[in-house]
PDB file of N, CA and C in Angstrom:
ATOM      1  N   MET A   1    -106.710  30.652-312.694  1.00  0.00           N
ATOM      2  CA  MET A   1    -106.461  30.537-311.277  1.00  0.00           C
ATOM      3  C   MET A   1    -105.063  31.084-310.987  1.00  0.00           C
ATOM      4  N   ASP A   2    -104.985  32.032-310.074  1.00  0.00           N
ATOM      5  CA  ASP A   2    -103.691  32.621-309.760  1.00  0.00           C
ATOM      6  C   ASP A   2    -103.002  31.856-308.625  1.00  0.00           C
ATOM      7  N   THR A   3    -101.828  32.332-308.267  1.00  0.00           N
ATOM      8  CA  THR A   3    -101.001  31.633-307.283  1.00  0.00           C
ATOM      9  C   THR A   3    -101.645  31.613-305.906  1.00  0.00           C
ATOM     10  N   ARG A   4    -102.275  32.721-305.517  1.00  0.00           N
ATOM     11  CA  ARG A   4    -102.895  32.776-304.195  1.00  0.00           C
ATOM     12  C   ARG A   4    -104.065  31.804-304.090  1.00  0.00           C
ATOM     13  N   GLU A   5    -104.859  31.694-305.138  1.00  0.00           N
ATOM     14  CA  GLU A   5    -105.981  30.753-305.114  1.00  0.00           C
ATOM     15  C   GLU A   5    -105.486  29.312-305.035  1.00  0.00           C
ATOM     16  N   ARG A   6    -104.416  29.005-305.764  1.00  0.00           N
ATOM     17  CA  ARG A   6    -103.846  27.652-305.703  1.00  0.00           C
ATOM     18  C   ARG A   6    -103.336  27.336-304.309  1.00  0.00           C
ATOM     19  N   ARG A   7    -102.653  28.300-303.708  1.00  0.00           N
ATOM     20  CA  ARG A   7    -102.118  28.101-302.356  1.00  0.00           C
ATOM     21  C   ARG A   7    -103.257  27.904-301.355  1.00  0.00           C
ATOM     22  N   THR A   8    -104.321  28.676-301.501  1.00  0.00           N
ATOM     23  CA  THR A   8    -105.469  28.544-300.613  1.00  0.00           C
ATOM     24  C   THR A   8    -106.135  27.187-300.781  1.00  0.00           C
ATOM     25  N   ASP A   9    -106.325  26.757-302.020  1.00  0.00           N
ATOM     26  CA  ASP A   9    -106.939  25.448-302.260  1.00  0.00           C
ATOM     27  C   ASP A   9    -106.070  24.319-301.725  1.00  0.00           C
ATOM     28  N   THR A  10    -104.758  24.447-301.884  1.00  0.00           N
ATOM     29  CA  THR A  10    -103.851  23.416-301.375  1.00  0.00           C
ATOM     30  C   THR A  10    -103.905  23.346-299.860  1.00  0.00           C
ATOM     31  N   ALA A  11    -103.910  24.486-299.199  1.00  0.00           N
ATOM     32  CA  ALA A  11    -103.988  24.507-297.733  1.00  0.00           C
ATOM     33  C   ALA A  11    -105.309  23.924-297.265  1.00  0.00           C
ATOM     34  N   ARG A  12    -106.386  24.234-297.958  1.00  0.00           N
ATOM     35  CA  ARG A  12    -107.697  23.711-297.577  1.00  0.00           C
ATOM     36  C   ARG A  12    -107.750  22.194-297.740  1.00  0.00           C
ATOM     37  N   ILE A  13    -107.217  21.684-298.841  1.00  0.00           N
ATOM     38  CA  ILE A  13    -107.234  20.242-299.093  1.00  0.00           C
ATOM     39  C   ILE A  13    -106.350  19.511-298.081  1.00  0.00           C
ATOM     40  N   LEU A  14    -105.131  20.015-297.856  1.00  0.00           N
ATOM     41  CA  LEU A  14    -104.248  19.374-296.882  1.00  0.00           C
ATOM     42  C   LEU A  14    -104.823  19.437-295.466  1.00  0.00           C
ATOM     43  N   GLY A  15    -105.460  20.539-295.137  1.00  0.00           N
ATOM     44  CA  GLY A  15    -106.101  20.658-293.824  1.00  0.00           C
ATOM     45  C   GLY A  15    -107.221  19.665-293.645  1.00  0.00           C
ATOM     46  N   THR A  16    -108.020  19.490-294.684  1.00  0.00           N
ATOM     47  CA  THR A  16    -109.109  18.512-294.613  1.00  0.00           C
ATOM     48  C   THR A  16    -108.565  17.101-294.484  1.00  0.00           C
ATOM     49  N   MET A  17    -107.515  16.793-295.244  1.00  0.00           N
ATOM     50  CA  MET A  17    -106.934  15.460-295.179  1.00  0.00           C
ATOM     51  C   MET A  17    -106.334  15.185-293.800  1.00  0.00           C
ATOM     52  N   ALA A  18    -105.628  16.156-293.232  1.00  0.00           N
ATOM     53  CA  ALA A  18    -105.036  15.982-291.909  1.00  0.00           C
ATOM     54  C   ALA A  18    -106.114  15.836-290.845  1.00  0.00           C
ATOM     55  N   LEU A  19    -107.157  16.626-290.955  1.00  0.00           N
ATOM     56  CA  LEU A  19    -108.262  16.552-290.009  1.00  0.00           C
ATOM     57  C   LEU A  19    -108.942  15.195-290.054  1.00  0.00           C
ATOM     58  N   LEU A  20    -109.260  14.724-291.250  1.00  0.00           N
ATOM     59  CA  LEU A  20    -109.918  13.427-291.384  1.00  0.00           C
ATOM     60  C   LEU A  20    -109.017  12.282-290.945  1.00  0.00           C
ATOM     61  N   LEU A  21    -107.739  12.335-291.302  1.00  0.00           N
ATOM     62  CA  LEU A  21    -106.816  11.287-290.896  1.00  0.00           C
ATOM     63  C   LEU A  21    -106.673  11.233-289.379  1.00  0.00           C
ATOM     64  N   GLY A  22    -106.595  12.389-288.748  1.00  0.00           N
ATOM     65  CA  GLY A  22    -106.521  12.422-287.285  1.00  0.00           C
ATOM     66  C   GLY A  22    -107.760  11.847-286.636  1.00  0.00           C
ATOM     67  N   LEU A  23    -108.925  12.154-287.189  1.00  0.00           N
ATOM     68  CA  LEU A  23    -110.159  11.599-286.636  1.00  0.00           C
ATOM     69  C   LEU A  23    -110.249  10.097-286.857  1.00  0.00           C
ATOM     70  N   VAL A  24    -109.807   9.625-288.017  1.00  0.00           N
ATOM     71  CA  VAL A  24    -109.817   8.182-288.284  1.00  0.00           C
ATOM     72  C   VAL A  24    -108.874   7.454-287.333  1.00  0.00           C
ATOM     73  N   ILE A  25    -107.699   8.018-287.100  1.00  0.00           N
ATOM     74  CA  ILE A  25    -106.753   7.402-286.165  1.00  0.00           C
ATOM     75  C   ILE A  25    -107.347   7.360-284.757  1.00  0.00           C
ATOM     76  N   ALA A  26    -108.001   8.433-284.336  1.00  0.00           N
ATOM     77  CA  ALA A  26    -108.603   8.466-283.003  1.00  0.00           C
ATOM     78  C   ALA A  26    -109.731   7.449-282.872  1.00  0.00           C
ATOM     79  N   VAL A  27    -110.565   7.336-283.893  1.00  0.00           N
ATOM     80  CA  VAL A  27    -111.663   6.367-283.840  1.00  0.00           C
ATOM     81  C   VAL A  27    -111.121   4.941-283.866  1.00  0.00           C
ATOM     82  N   ALA A  28    -110.153   4.680-284.741  1.00  0.00           N
ATOM     83  CA  ALA A  28    -109.570   3.341-284.802  1.00  0.00           C
ATOM     84  C   ALA A  28    -108.860   3.007-283.491  1.00  0.00           C
ATOM     85  N   GLY A  29    -108.227   3.982-282.886  1.00  0.00           N
ATOM     86  CA  GLY A  29    -107.571   3.754-281.602  1.00  0.00           C
ATOM     87  C   GLY A  29    -108.547   3.477-280.485  1.00  0.00           C
ATOM     88  N   SER A  30    -109.693   4.116-280.532  1.00  0.00           N
ATOM     89  CA  SER A  30    -110.685   3.864-279.481  1.00  0.00           C
ATOM     90  C   SER A  30    -111.354   2.502-279.654  1.00  0.00           C
ATOM     91  N   LEU A  31    -111.386   1.987-280.876  1.00  0.00           N
ATOM     92  CA  LEU A  31    -111.957   0.658-281.106  1.00  0.00           C
ATOM     93  C   LEU A  31    -110.974  -0.451-280.749  1.00  0.00           C
ATOM     94  N   ALA A  32    -109.696  -0.188-280.894  1.00  0.00           N
ATOM     95  CA  ALA A  32    -108.678  -1.179-280.552  1.00  0.00           C
ATOM     96  C   ALA A  32    -108.405  -1.121-279.050  1.00  0.00           C
ATOM     97  N   ALA A  33    -108.145  -2.260-278.488  1.00  0.00           N
ATOM     98  CA  ALA A  33    -107.962  -2.328-277.034  1.00  0.00           C
ATOM     99  C   ALA A  33    -106.555  -1.943-276.603  1.00  0.00           C
ATOM    100  N   SER A  34    -105.583  -2.087-277.491  1.00  0.00           N
ATOM    101  CA  SER A  34    -104.192  -1.901-277.072  1.00  0.00           C
ATOM    102  C   SER A  34    -103.542  -0.675-277.712  1.00  0.00           C
ATOM    103  N   THR A  35    -104.242   0.427-277.778  1.00  0.00           N
ATOM    104  CA  THR A  35    -103.687   1.643-278.373  1.00  0.00           C
ATOM    105  C   THR A  35    -102.914   2.420-277.313  1.00  0.00           C
ATOM    106  N   ARG A  36    -101.711   2.825-277.671  1.00  0.00           N
ATOM    107  CA  ARG A  36    -100.885   3.582-276.734  1.00  0.00           C
ATOM    108  C   ARG A  36    -101.246   5.063-276.794  1.00  0.00           C
ATOM    109  N   THR A  37    -100.746   5.796-275.845  1.00  0.00           N
ATOM    110  CA  THR A  37    -101.038   7.220-275.748  1.00  0.00           C
ATOM    111  C   THR A  37    -100.445   7.994-276.923  1.00  0.00           C
ATOM    112  N   GLY A  38     -99.330   7.535-277.450  1.00  0.00           N
ATOM    113  CA  GLY A  38     -98.681   8.220-278.560  1.00  0.00           C
ATOM    114  C   GLY A  38     -99.560   8.301-279.796  1.00  0.00           C
ATOM    115  N   GLY A  39    -100.381   7.295-280.011  1.00  0.00           N
ATOM    116  CA  GLY A  39    -101.293   7.318-281.154  1.00  0.00           C
ATOM    117  C   GLY A  39    -102.326   8.425-281.033  1.00  0.00           C
ATOM    118  N   TYR A  40    -102.823   8.626-279.820  1.00  0.00           N
ATOM    119  CA  TYR A  40    -103.791   9.697-279.607  1.00  0.00           C
ATOM    120  C   TYR A  40    -103.139  11.074-279.700  1.00  0.00           C
ATOM    121  N   VAL A  41    -101.896  11.172-279.245  1.00  0.00           N
ATOM    122  CA  VAL A  41    -101.180  12.440-279.363  1.00  0.00           C
ATOM    123  C   VAL A  41    -100.964  12.780-280.832  1.00  0.00           C
ATOM    124  N   PHE A  42    -100.546  11.787-281.620  1.00  0.00           N
ATOM    125  CA  PHE A  42    -100.348  11.999-283.054  1.00  0.00           C
ATOM    126  C   PHE A  42    -101.659  12.389-283.732  1.00  0.00           C
ATOM    127  N   ALA A  43    -102.748  11.719-283.375  1.00  0.00           N
ATOM    128  CA  ALA A  43    -104.054  12.054-283.950  1.00  0.00           C
ATOM    129  C   ALA A  43    -104.461  13.475-283.562  1.00  0.00           C
ATOM    130  N   GLY A  44    -104.208  13.847-282.331  1.00  0.00           N
ATOM    131  CA  GLY A  44    -104.523  15.205-281.887  1.00  0.00           C
ATOM    132  C   GLY A  44    -103.710  16.261-282.618  1.00  0.00           C
ATOM    133  N   LEU A  45    -102.430  15.963-282.847  1.00  0.00           N
ATOM    134  CA  LEU A  45    -101.594  16.897-283.599  1.00  0.00           C
ATOM    135  C   LEU A  45    -102.080  17.040-285.036  1.00  0.00           C
ATOM    136  N   LEU A  46    -102.502  15.947-285.641  1.00  0.00           N
ATOM    137  CA  LEU A  46    -103.040  16.028-287.000  1.00  0.00           C
ATOM    138  C   LEU A  46    -104.316  16.860-287.043  1.00  0.00           C
ATOM    139  N   VAL A  47    -105.179  16.678-286.066  1.00  0.00           N
ATOM    140  CA  VAL A  47    -106.432  17.446-286.030  1.00  0.00           C
ATOM    141  C   VAL A  47    -106.148  18.929-285.843  1.00  0.00           C
ATOM    142  N   VAL A  48    -105.248  19.257-284.930  1.00  0.00           N
ATOM    143  CA  VAL A  48    -104.914  20.671-284.689  1.00  0.00           C
ATOM    144  C   VAL A  48    -104.266  21.286-285.932  1.00  0.00           C
ATOM    145  N   THR A  49    -103.375  20.536-286.579  1.00  0.00           N
ATOM    146  CA  THR A  49    -102.751  21.024-287.804  1.00  0.00           C
ATOM    147  C   THR A  49    -103.783  21.224-288.906  1.00  0.00           C
ATOM    148  N   GLY A  50    -104.706  20.275-289.029  1.00  0.00           N
ATOM    149  CA  GLY A  50    -105.757  20.396-290.042  1.00  0.00           C
ATOM    150  C   GLY A  50    -106.641  21.600-289.813  1.00  0.00           C
ATOM    151  N   ILE A  51    -106.998  21.839-288.570  1.00  0.00           N
ATOM    152  CA  ILE A  51    -107.824  23.010-288.256  1.00  0.00           C
ATOM    153  C   ILE A  51    -107.056  24.292-288.569  1.00  0.00           C
ATOM    154  N   GLY A  52    -105.771  24.307-288.221  1.00  0.00           N
ATOM    155  CA  GLY A  52    -104.960  25.494-288.509  1.00  0.00           C
ATOM    156  C   GLY A  52    -104.841  25.772-289.999  1.00  0.00           C
ATOM    157  N   LEU A  53    -104.635  24.724-290.784  1.00  0.00           N
ATOM    158  CA  LEU A  53    -104.544  24.915-292.236  1.00  0.00           C
ATOM    159  C   LEU A  53    -105.874  25.385-292.814  1.00  0.00           C
ATOM    160  N   ARG A  54    -106.967  24.841-292.320  1.00  0.00           N
ATOM    161  CA  ARG A  54    -108.284  25.276-292.806  1.00  0.00           C
ATOM    162  C   ARG A  54    -108.547  26.738-292.433  1.00  0.00           C
ATOM    163  N   LEU A  55    -108.155  27.132-291.224  1.00  0.00           N
ATOM    164  CA  LEU A  55    -108.327  28.539-290.827  1.00  0.00           C
ATOM    165  C   LEU A  55    -107.462  29.461-291.670  1.00  0.00           C
ATOM    166  N   GLU A  56    -106.230  29.040-291.929  1.00  0.00           N
ATOM    167  CA  GLU A  56    -105.348  29.858-292.776  1.00  0.00           C
ATOM    168  C   GLU A  56    -105.932  30.021-294.173  1.00  0.00           C
ATOM    169  N   ALA A  57    -106.479  28.940-294.721  1.00  0.00           N
ATOM    170  CA  ALA A  57    -107.085  29.019-296.053  1.00  0.00           C
ATOM    171  C   ALA A  57    -108.301  29.938-296.052  1.00  0.00           C
ATOM    172  N   ALA A  58    -109.086  29.888-294.988  1.00  0.00           N
ATOM    173  CA  ALA A  58    -110.270  30.745-294.911  1.00  0.00           C
ATOM    174  C   ALA A  58    -109.885  32.211-294.811  1.00  0.00           C
ATOM    175  N   ILE A  59    -108.865  32.513-294.034  1.00  0.00           N
ATOM    176  CA  ILE A  59    -108.429  33.903-293.884  1.00  0.00           C
ATOM    177  C   ILE A  59    -107.822  34.403-295.183  1.00  0.00           C
ATOM    178  N   THR A  60    -107.012  33.572-295.829  1.00  0.00           N
ATOM    179  CA  THR A  60    -106.387  33.969-297.089  1.00  0.00           C
ATOM    180  C   THR A  60    -107.420  34.144-298.188  1.00  0.00           C
ATOM    181  N   ASP A  61    -108.439  33.299-298.188  1.00  0.00           N
ATOM    182  CA  ASP A  61    -109.474  33.370-299.233  1.00  0.00           C
ATOM    183  C   ASP A  61    -110.332  34.618-299.063  1.00  0.00           C
ATOM    184  N   ARG A  62    -110.454  35.115-297.858  1.00  0.00           N
ATOM    185  CA  ARG A  62    -111.288  36.289-297.595  1.00  0.00           C
ATOM    186  C   ARG A  62    -110.699  37.561-298.163  1.00  0.00           C
ATOM    187  N   ARG A  63    -109.393  37.615-298.343  1.00  0.00           N
ATOM    188  CA  ARG A  63    -108.728  38.827-298.832  1.00  0.00           C
ATOM    189  C   ARG A  63    -108.939  39.047-300.280  1.00  0.00           C
TER     190      ARG A  63
END
């Protein structure tokens, strides 16, 4: 496994983790009655970051 493949796998794994964590935070926030707006903003940022990392890994893997 070369350096580019390792970097792609790392970006894909971190993107998946950020995406799942953001979704878990959003679901847990919707189940709790007293969730502030900041929690949803943080969850949204994690989801957007996760999607971006997954897209970067897909583009890098295609080359």
